[in-house]
Amino acid sequence: MKEQTLLMKYTIKLLYIWIVAAATGCNNASDEIKIPYQAVAKSDTASLKIILKKKEFYGQLEVNYSGLYKDSGDVSGIVKGDTLKGSFYYQRYGKGPKRRIPIALLKKDHQLVMGIGEMEVYMNITFFKKGVPIDYQHSKFVFQRLH
């Protein structure tokens, strides 16, 4: 009987500690900034909704090509200074198998400039080619912050 009571007390204490840790843990929502962006390039548009943390980002990207078809999927990666680098895991034309390509965004004022770079494939994974700089000057999409 004493053992059961003691075990119950420890279980309740551990549960309390776990709840407090979960509520105040490292995934603190106050560290997150949710930001919607929009970009237009001639008849193509892109919508980017990201959640930005200090060292990482994630969200959704949808690129609409003249209203004829779209690529849509998830973006995620790391933040280093004013650069967001990661991957775009998307479905081409909204159907078929998902693909993963690298993505690089440069923070500039209230904009995100999507970089262009040479890509290479290694073991069926696409990367930006090492040693070749990512071009932010001739970008197709410059995302404007919506709010």
C-alpha atoms as a PDB file:
ATOM      1  CA  MET A   1       0.000   0.000   0.000  1.00  0.00           C
ATOM      2  CA  LYS A   2       2.822   2.425   0.905  1.00  0.00           C
ATOM      3  CA  GLU A   3       4.661   1.531  -2.304  1.00  0.00           C
ATOM      4  CA  GLN A   4       1.584   2.296  -4.432  1.00  0.00           C
ATOM      5  CA  THR A   5       1.059   5.660  -2.706  1.00  0.00           C
ATOM      6  CA  LEU A   6       4.722   6.575  -3.140  1.00  0.00           C
ATOM      7  CA  LEU A   7       4.657   5.496  -6.783  1.00  0.00           C
ATOM      8  CA  MET A   8       1.514   7.571  -7.368  1.00  0.00           C
ATOM      9  CA  LYS A   9       3.138  10.684  -5.827  1.00  0.00           C
ATOM     10  CA  TYR A  10       6.223  10.321  -8.040  1.00  0.00           C
ATOM     11  CA  THR A  11       4.063   9.734 -11.103  1.00  0.00           C
ATOM     12  CA  ILE A  12       2.054  12.889 -10.404  1.00  0.00           C
ATOM     13  CA  LYS A  13       5.251  14.904  -9.819  1.00  0.00           C
ATOM     14  CA  LEU A  14       6.781  13.619 -13.071  1.00  0.00           C
ATOM     15  CA  LEU A  15       3.574  14.411 -14.955  1.00  0.00           C
ATOM     16  CA  TYR A  16       3.572  17.939 -13.505  1.00  0.00           C
ATOM     17  CA  ILE A  17       7.227  18.458 -14.482  1.00  0.00           C
ATOM     18  CA  TRP A  18       6.532  17.167 -17.988  1.00  0.00           C
ATOM     19  CA  ILE A  19       3.540  19.524 -18.431  1.00  0.00           C
ATOM     20  CA  VAL A  20       5.530  22.534 -17.206  1.00  0.00           C
ATOM     21  CA  ALA A  21       8.462  21.630 -19.461  1.00  0.00           C
ATOM     22  CA  ALA A  22       6.159  21.239 -22.466  1.00  0.00           C
ATOM     23  CA  ALA A  23       4.469  24.579 -21.780  1.00  0.00           C
ATOM     24  CA  THR A  24       7.727  26.519 -21.353  1.00  0.00           C
ATOM     25  CA  GLY A  25      10.049  24.418 -23.483  1.00  0.00           C
ATOM     26  CA  CYS A  26      12.335  25.356 -26.351  1.00  0.00           C
ATOM     27  CA  ASN A  27       9.471  25.378 -28.864  1.00  0.00           C
ATOM     28  CA  ASN A  28       8.178  28.623 -27.457  1.00  0.00           C
ATOM     29  CA  ALA A  29       5.612  30.121 -29.831  1.00  0.00           C
ATOM     30  CA  SER A  30       6.802  33.638 -28.978  1.00  0.00           C
ATOM     31  CA  ASP A  31      10.061  32.833 -30.814  1.00  0.00           C
ATOM     32  CA  GLU A  32       8.077  32.327 -34.033  1.00  0.00           C
ATOM     33  CA  ILE A  33       7.063  34.992 -36.512  1.00  0.00           C
ATOM     34  CA  LYS A  34       4.386  34.067 -39.071  1.00  0.00           C
ATOM     35  CA  ILE A  35       4.803  36.081 -42.258  1.00  0.00           C
ATOM     36  CA  PRO A  36       2.845  35.973 -45.548  1.00  0.00           C
ATOM     37  CA  TYR A  37       4.575  37.127 -48.760  1.00  0.00           C
ATOM     38  CA  GLN A  38       3.450  37.610 -52.368  1.00  0.00           C
ATOM     39  CA  ALA A  39       5.505  37.959 -55.562  1.00  0.00           C
ATOM     40  CA  VAL A  40       4.551  38.752 -59.146  1.00  0.00           C
ATOM     41  CA  ALA A  41       6.704  38.223 -62.243  1.00  0.00           C
ATOM     42  CA  LYS A  42       4.821  39.091 -65.437  1.00  0.00           C
ATOM     43  CA  SER A  43       1.895  36.623 -65.518  1.00  0.00           C
ATOM     44  CA  ASP A  44       3.393  34.305 -62.880  1.00  0.00           C
ATOM     45  CA  THR A  45       2.653  34.713 -59.181  1.00  0.00           C
ATOM     46  CA  ALA A  46       4.035  33.147 -56.040  1.00  0.00           C
ATOM     47  CA  SER A  47       2.616  32.989 -52.540  1.00  0.00           C
ATOM     48  CA  LEU A  48       4.884  32.223 -49.580  1.00  0.00           C
ATOM     49  CA  LYS A  49       3.683  31.723 -46.028  1.00  0.00           C
ATOM     50  CA  ILE A  50       6.545  31.089 -43.636  1.00  0.00           C
ATOM     51  CA  ILE A  51       7.101  30.717 -39.950  1.00  0.00           C
ATOM     52  CA  LEU A  52      10.419  32.291 -39.121  1.00  0.00           C
ATOM     53  CA  LYS A  53      12.424  31.410 -36.027  1.00  0.00           C
ATOM     54  CA  LYS A  54      15.883  32.576 -35.002  1.00  0.00           C
ATOM     55  CA  LYS A  55      17.730  29.713 -36.695  1.00  0.00           C
ATOM     56  CA  GLU A  56      15.139  27.975 -38.882  1.00  0.00           C
ATOM     57  CA  PHE A  57      12.093  28.510 -41.067  1.00  0.00           C
ATOM     58  CA  TYR A  58       9.274  26.437 -42.511  1.00  0.00           C
ATOM     59  CA  GLY A  59       6.016  27.001 -44.365  1.00  0.00           C
ATOM     60  CA  GLN A  60       4.309  26.690 -47.747  1.00  0.00           C
ATOM     61  CA  LEU A  61       5.138  27.996 -51.197  1.00  0.00           C
ATOM     62  CA  GLU A  62       2.842  28.044 -54.213  1.00  0.00           C
ATOM     63  CA  VAL A  63       4.011  29.170 -57.648  1.00  0.00           C
ATOM     64  CA  ASN A  64       1.247  29.783 -60.196  1.00  0.00           C
ATOM     65  CA  TYR A  65       2.361  29.860 -63.840  1.00  0.00           C
ATOM     66  CA  SER A  66      -0.006  32.114 -65.813  1.00  0.00           C
ATOM     67  CA  GLY A  67      -2.982  30.426 -64.181  1.00  0.00           C
ATOM     68  CA  LEU A  68      -2.298  27.297 -66.241  1.00  0.00           C
ATOM     69  CA  TYR A  69      -0.576  25.143 -63.630  1.00  0.00           C
ATOM     70  CA  LYS A  70       1.110  25.461 -60.276  1.00  0.00           C
ATOM     71  CA  ASP A  71       3.868  23.998 -58.151  1.00  0.00           C
ATOM     72  CA  SER A  72       2.965  23.845 -54.486  1.00  0.00           C
ATOM     73  CA  GLY A  73       4.525  22.353 -51.402  1.00  0.00           C
ATOM     74  CA  ASP A  74       6.521  22.844 -48.234  1.00  0.00           C
ATOM     75  CA  VAL A  75       9.631  24.917 -47.632  1.00  0.00           C
ATOM     76  CA  SER A  76      11.986  24.481 -44.714  1.00  0.00           C
ATOM     77  CA  GLY A  77      15.557  25.246 -43.826  1.00  0.00           C
ATOM     78  CA  ILE A  78      17.981  27.257 -41.748  1.00  0.00           C
ATOM     79  CA  VAL A  79      18.485  30.979 -41.195  1.00  0.00           C
ATOM     80  CA  LYS A  80      22.030  32.372 -41.308  1.00  0.00           C
ATOM     81  CA  GLY A  81      22.100  36.134 -40.888  1.00  0.00           C
ATOM     82  CA  ASP A  82      20.019  37.613 -43.703  1.00  0.00           C
ATOM     83  CA  THR A  83      19.874  34.380 -45.743  1.00  0.00           C
ATOM     84  CA  LEU A  84      17.331  31.565 -45.611  1.00  0.00           C
ATOM     85  CA  LYS A  85      18.578  28.326 -47.198  1.00  0.00           C
ATOM     86  CA  GLY A  86      16.658  25.106 -47.395  1.00  0.00           C
ATOM     87  CA  SER A  87      14.501  23.032 -49.673  1.00  0.00           C
ATOM     88  CA  PHE A  88      11.214  23.208 -51.514  1.00  0.00           C
ATOM     89  CA  TYR A  89       9.413  19.852 -51.370  1.00  0.00           C
ATOM     90  CA  TYR A  90       6.646  20.201 -53.926  1.00  0.00           C
ATOM     91  CA  GLN A  91       4.300  18.551 -56.331  1.00  0.00           C
ATOM     92  CA  ARG A  92       4.731  19.671 -59.933  1.00  0.00           C
ATOM     93  CA  TYR A  93       1.471  20.729 -61.613  1.00  0.00           C
ATOM     94  CA  GLY A  94      -0.378  19.595 -58.477  1.00  0.00           C
ATOM     95  CA  LYS A  95      -0.010  15.913 -59.352  1.00  0.00           C
ATOM     96  CA  GLY A  96       2.532  13.145 -59.676  1.00  0.00           C
ATOM     97  CA  PRO A  97       5.465  12.386 -57.378  1.00  0.00           C
ATOM     98  CA  LYS A  98       6.875  15.032 -55.069  1.00  0.00           C
ATOM     99  CA  ARG A  99      10.265  16.573 -55.831  1.00  0.00           C
ATOM    100  CA  ARG A 100      12.786  18.365 -53.648  1.00  0.00           C
ATOM    101  CA  ILE A 101      14.927  21.254 -54.865  1.00  0.00           C
ATOM    102  CA  PRO A 102      17.109  23.748 -52.987  1.00  0.00           C
ATOM    103  CA  ILE A 103      15.810  27.220 -52.190  1.00  0.00           C
ATOM    104  CA  ALA A 104      17.671  30.355 -51.108  1.00  0.00           C
ATOM    105  CA  LEU A 105      16.031  33.579 -49.981  1.00  0.00           C
ATOM    106  CA  LEU A 106      17.761  36.847 -49.111  1.00  0.00           C
ATOM    107  CA  LYS A 107      16.087  39.122 -46.538  1.00  0.00           C
ATOM    108  CA  LYS A 108      16.129  42.705 -47.750  1.00  0.00           C
ATOM    109  CA  ASP A 109      14.028  45.272 -45.842  1.00  0.00           C
ATOM    110  CA  HIS A 110      10.515  43.760 -45.862  1.00  0.00           C
ATOM    111  CA  GLN A 111      11.250  41.605 -48.913  1.00  0.00           C
ATOM    112  CA  LEU A 112      12.601  38.142 -49.634  1.00  0.00           C
ATOM    113  CA  VAL A 113      14.578  37.784 -52.853  1.00  0.00           C
ATOM    114  CA  MET A 114      14.589  34.242 -54.283  1.00  0.00           C
ATOM    115  CA  GLY A 115      18.068  33.337 -55.429  1.00  0.00           C
ATOM    116  CA  ILE A 116      19.025  31.565 -58.644  1.00  0.00           C
ATOM    117  CA  GLY A 117      21.873  29.085 -58.734  1.00  0.00           C
ATOM    118  CA  GLU A 118      23.407  26.214 -60.632  1.00  0.00           C
ATOM    119  CA  MET A 119      22.132  22.899 -59.383  1.00  0.00           C
ATOM    120  CA  GLU A 120      23.645  19.459 -59.283  1.00  0.00           C
ATOM    121  CA  VAL A 121      22.281  16.072 -58.328  1.00  0.00           C
ATOM    122  CA  TYR A 122      24.101  13.696 -56.005  1.00  0.00           C
ATOM    123  CA  MET A 123      22.524  10.385 -55.003  1.00  0.00           C
ATOM    124  CA  ASN A 124      19.192  11.618 -56.393  1.00  0.00           C
ATOM    125  CA  ILE A 125      19.258  14.757 -54.174  1.00  0.00           C
ATOM    126  CA  THR A 126      19.405  18.184 -55.821  1.00  0.00           C
ATOM    127  CA  PHE A 127      21.772  20.790 -54.327  1.00  0.00           C
ATOM    128  CA  PHE A 128      23.078  24.202 -55.285  1.00  0.00           C
ATOM    129  CA  LYS A 129      26.453  23.599 -56.918  1.00  0.00           C
ATOM    130  CA  LYS A 130      29.297  24.200 -54.456  1.00  0.00           C
ATOM    131  CA  GLY A 131      31.669  27.023 -55.273  1.00  0.00           C
ATOM    132  CA  VAL A 132      29.146  28.766 -57.530  1.00  0.00           C
ATOM    133  CA  PRO A 133      27.543  31.807 -55.895  1.00  0.00           C
ATOM    134  CA  ILE A 134      23.779  32.161 -55.708  1.00  0.00           C
ATOM    135  CA  ASP A 135      22.561  35.090 -57.811  1.00  0.00           C
ATOM    136  CA  TYR A 136      20.110  37.419 -56.059  1.00  0.00           C
ATOM    137  CA  GLN A 137      20.467  40.235 -58.638  1.00  0.00           C
ATOM    138  CA  HIS A 138      18.542  38.538 -61.466  1.00  0.00           C
ATOM    139  CA  SER A 139      15.846  36.894 -59.392  1.00  0.00           C
ATOM    140  CA  LYS A 140      12.485  36.034 -60.927  1.00  0.00           C
ATOM    141  CA  PHE A 141      10.576  36.443 -57.666  1.00  0.00           C
ATOM    142  CA  VAL A 142      10.958  39.233 -55.121  1.00  0.00           C
ATOM    143  CA  PHE A 143       8.469  38.561 -52.336  1.00  0.00           C
ATOM    144  CA  GLN A 144       6.732  41.528 -50.725  1.00  0.00           C
ATOM    145  CA  ARG A 145       5.558  41.216 -47.139  1.00  0.00           C
ATOM    146  CA  LEU A 146       1.755  41.401 -47.018  1.00  0.00           C
ATOM    147  CA  HIS A 147       1.273  42.998 -43.607  1.00  0.00           C
END
